[in-house]
Protein backbone atom coordinates (compact mmCIF):
# COMPACT_ATOMS: atom_id res chain seq x y z
CA UNK A 1 14.29 -15.65 118.47
CA UNK A 2 14.44 -16.72 114.83
CA UNK A 3 13.32 -20.12 113.64
CA UNK A 4 16.02 -22.28 112.11
CA UNK A 5 14.81 -24.48 109.27
CA UNK A 6 16.57 -27.81 108.98
CA UNK A 7 16.68 -29.14 105.45
CA UNK A 8 15.94 -32.83 105.28
CA UNK A 9 17.68 -35.00 102.70
CA UNK A 10 15.56 -36.00 99.74
CA UNK A 11 14.12 -39.48 100.38
CA UNK A 12 14.24 -40.38 96.69
CA UNK A 13 17.97 -39.85 96.14
CA UNK A 14 19.14 -40.09 99.79
CA UNK A 15 20.49 -36.53 99.65
CA UNK A 16 22.85 -37.17 96.72
CA UNK A 17 20.97 -35.05 94.18
CA UNK A 18 21.08 -37.79 91.56
CA UNK A 19 19.78 -41.30 91.09
CA UNK A 20 21.64 -44.27 89.68
CA UNK A 21 19.83 -46.26 87.02
CA UNK A 22 20.89 -49.90 87.12
CA UNK A 23 20.37 -52.86 84.86
CA UNK A 24 19.03 -56.24 86.01
CA UNK A 25 22.49 -57.40 87.12
CA UNK A 26 22.90 -54.35 89.39
CA UNK A 27 25.49 -52.49 87.34
CA UNK A 28 25.05 -48.71 87.10
CA UNK A 29 24.07 -47.81 83.55
CA UNK A 30 23.77 -44.04 84.04
CA UNK A 31 23.15 -41.33 86.60
CA UNK A 32 20.38 -38.75 86.31
CA UNK A 33 19.53 -35.63 88.26
CA UNK A 34 16.83 -36.42 90.81
CA UNK A 35 13.57 -35.01 89.47
CA UNK A 36 12.02 -34.80 92.95
CA UNK A 37 14.57 -32.39 94.45
CA UNK A 38 15.97 -30.92 91.23
CA UNK A 39 19.50 -32.00 92.11
CA UNK A 40 19.69 -30.13 95.42
CA UNK A 41 19.60 -33.27 97.56
CA UNK A 42 17.11 -31.72 99.99
CA UNK A 43 13.34 -31.93 100.31
CA UNK A 44 11.51 -28.99 98.81
């Protein structure tokens, strides 16, 4: 039997692969590739 690896979503970007940078009023200023998962959206 082979082992199936389940990929968990990245906890830093919630599996989106990018993070939203917001200003103090909560408006999205820009989006950047998540540096923790490299944009894959899964834990590495």
